[in-house]
Amino acid sequence: MAAFQKLPVGTREHTQLVDVTDLVRREVRAAGVREGVVTLFVPHTTAGITIQENADPDVVRDLMVALERAVPWESGDYRHSEGNTAAHVKASLMGSSAQMFVRDGDLALGTWQAIYFCEFDGPRSRELWLQIP
């Protein structure tokens, strides 16, 4: 039977990409899974998830800069009364779920890949839902 878990993720910044790779890896190893597919889901409308490079921190910085340029926090065109329309759009662009293979008891990520929880309306206490086969 598959294991479902809710993992806490705290953010300290308004916009922040939090590397959760080790958190997910620990849960997969603790579950004793050797092969399968892990599913991650972010149950928040102003946060998302992505798999991206973890070797050079400038990649994460540049990604946040590009997202802000594409979807600025403030715009006279937004109508959502809570004032966080940009966070909703950015979360939609990143997506709310990701899947990855488990091979030989570990996450099957590329050499430079990491899993990032994407905060766009922080700081907040969030959750990352994890389904392990």
Protein backbone atom coordinates (compact mmCIF):
# COMPACT_ATOMS: atom_id res chain seq x y z
CA MET A 1 0.00 0.00 0.00
CA ALA A 2 1.23 3.48 -0.85
CA ALA A 3 2.27 5.86 1.93
CA PHE A 4 0.78 9.36 2.00
CA GLN A 5 2.51 12.05 4.05
CA LYS A 6 2.17 15.75 4.71
CA LEU A 7 5.60 17.34 5.07
CA PRO A 8 5.95 20.81 6.62
CA VAL A 9 7.80 23.44 4.61
CA GLY A 10 8.46 26.82 6.15
CA THR A 11 9.37 29.84 4.07
CA ARG A 12 11.09 33.03 5.24
CA GLU A 13 10.82 35.23 2.15
CA HIS A 14 8.03 36.63 0.01
CA THR A 15 9.40 34.75 -3.00
CA GLN A 16 11.61 31.78 -2.26
CA LEU A 17 12.59 28.47 -3.83
CA VAL A 18 13.25 25.96 -1.06
CA ASP A 19 15.33 22.89 -1.92
CA VAL A 20 13.28 19.98 -0.51
CA THR A 21 15.26 17.22 -2.20
CA ASP A 22 16.83 15.88 0.99
CA LEU A 23 13.49 15.99 2.80
CA VAL A 24 11.83 13.91 0.07
CA ARG A 25 14.85 11.60 -0.23
CA ARG A 26 14.75 10.84 3.52
CA GLU A 27 11.08 9.91 3.34
CA VAL A 28 11.62 7.65 0.33
CA ARG A 29 14.52 5.87 2.01
CA ALA A 30 12.60 5.54 5.29
CA ALA A 31 9.72 3.92 3.40
CA GLY A 32 12.12 1.30 2.05
CA VAL A 33 10.93 1.73 -1.53
CA ARG A 34 13.34 0.28 -4.07
CA GLU A 35 11.49 1.05 -7.34
CA GLY A 36 8.46 3.13 -8.25
CA VAL A 37 7.19 6.65 -8.83
CA VAL A 38 6.92 9.30 -6.11
CA THR A 39 4.26 11.97 -6.47
CA LEU A 40 4.57 15.41 -4.87
CA PHE A 41 1.66 17.82 -4.56
CA VAL A 42 1.49 21.39 -3.27
CA PRO A 43 -1.99 22.07 -1.82
CA HIS A 44 -1.66 25.86 -2.01
CA THR A 45 -2.79 28.25 -4.75
CA THR A 46 0.13 30.65 -4.29
CA ALA A 47 2.94 28.08 -4.16
CA GLY A 48 4.22 25.49 -6.59
CA ILE A 49 6.90 22.93 -7.26
CA THR A 50 9.63 22.48 -9.84
CA ILE A 51 12.67 20.37 -10.58
CA GLN A 52 15.64 22.54 -11.50
CA GLU A 53 19.42 22.89 -11.29
CA ASN A 54 20.96 22.91 -7.83
CA ALA A 55 24.68 23.33 -8.65
CA ASP A 56 24.70 27.10 -9.22
CA PRO A 57 22.50 29.25 -6.92
CA ASP A 58 22.34 31.89 -9.64
CA VAL A 59 19.99 29.62 -11.60
CA VAL A 60 17.38 29.83 -8.82
CA ARG A 61 17.95 33.57 -8.47
CA ASP A 62 17.61 34.07 -12.23
CA LEU A 63 14.43 31.99 -12.30
CA MET A 64 12.87 34.20 -9.62
CA VAL A 65 13.99 37.35 -11.46
CA ALA A 66 12.51 36.08 -14.73
CA LEU A 67 9.22 35.17 -13.07
CA GLU A 68 9.00 38.61 -11.44
CA ARG A 69 9.73 40.28 -14.77
CA ALA A 70 7.08 38.17 -16.53
CA VAL A 71 4.51 38.53 -13.73
CA PRO A 72 5.23 41.64 -11.63
CA TRP A 73 3.84 41.73 -8.11
CA GLU A 74 2.00 44.98 -8.74
CA SER A 75 -0.08 45.81 -11.79
CA GLY A 76 -3.03 48.10 -12.35
CA ASP A 77 -4.61 45.33 -14.41
CA TYR A 78 -5.07 42.89 -11.51
CA ARG A 79 -8.53 42.70 -9.91
CA HIS A 80 -8.17 40.03 -7.20
CA SER A 81 -9.03 41.83 -3.97
CA GLU A 82 -6.42 40.04 -1.83
CA GLY A 83 -3.63 41.67 -3.81
CA ASN A 84 -1.70 38.50 -4.55
CA THR A 85 -2.67 37.85 -8.15
CA ALA A 86 0.98 37.56 -9.20
CA ALA A 87 1.49 34.74 -6.70
CA HIS A 88 -1.44 32.82 -8.18
CA VAL A 89 -0.13 33.25 -11.71
CA LYS A 90 3.44 32.22 -10.80
CA ALA A 91 2.15 29.15 -8.95
CA SER A 92 0.16 28.20 -12.03
CA LEU A 93 3.23 28.59 -14.22
CA MET A 94 5.32 26.35 -11.96
CA GLY A 95 2.61 23.77 -11.41
CA SER A 96 1.25 22.11 -8.29
CA SER A 97 2.66 18.61 -8.71
CA ALA A 98 5.73 16.68 -9.80
CA GLN A 99 6.59 13.04 -10.18
CA MET A 100 9.94 11.31 -10.17
CA PHE A 101 11.21 7.79 -10.40
CA VAL A 102 12.69 5.85 -7.52
CA ARG A 103 15.45 3.49 -8.64
CA ASP A 104 17.60 1.35 -6.39
CA GLY A 105 16.03 2.95 -3.31
CA ASP A 106 16.79 6.57 -4.21
CA LEU A 107 15.31 9.45 -6.20
CA ALA A 108 16.28 9.14 -9.86
CA LEU A 109 17.17 12.77 -10.48
CA GLY A 110 19.68 14.07 -13.00
CA THR A 111 23.17 15.01 -11.87
CA TRP A 112 22.34 18.69 -11.34
CA GLN A 113 18.66 18.40 -10.46
CA ALA A 114 16.91 19.23 -7.20
CA ILE A 115 13.27 19.51 -6.12
CA TYR A 116 12.20 23.03 -5.20
CA PHE A 117 9.13 24.13 -3.28
CA CYS A 118 8.24 27.51 -4.83
CA GLU A 119 6.88 30.16 -2.48
CA PHE A 120 5.27 33.22 -4.07
CA ASP A 121 3.26 34.71 -1.18
CA GLY A 122 5.37 34.20 1.93
CA PRO A 123 6.63 33.94 4.43
CA ARG A 124 4.31 31.11 5.44
CA SER A 125 4.02 27.68 6.97
CA ARG A 126 3.20 25.34 4.11
CA GLU A 127 2.78 21.66 3.36
CA LEU A 128 4.15 19.40 0.69
CA TRP A 129 2.12 16.24 0.17
CA LEU A 130 4.05 13.13 -0.72
CA GLN A 131 2.75 9.83 -2.09
CA ILE A 132 5.29 7.01 -1.95
CA PRO A 133 4.52 3.71 -3.71
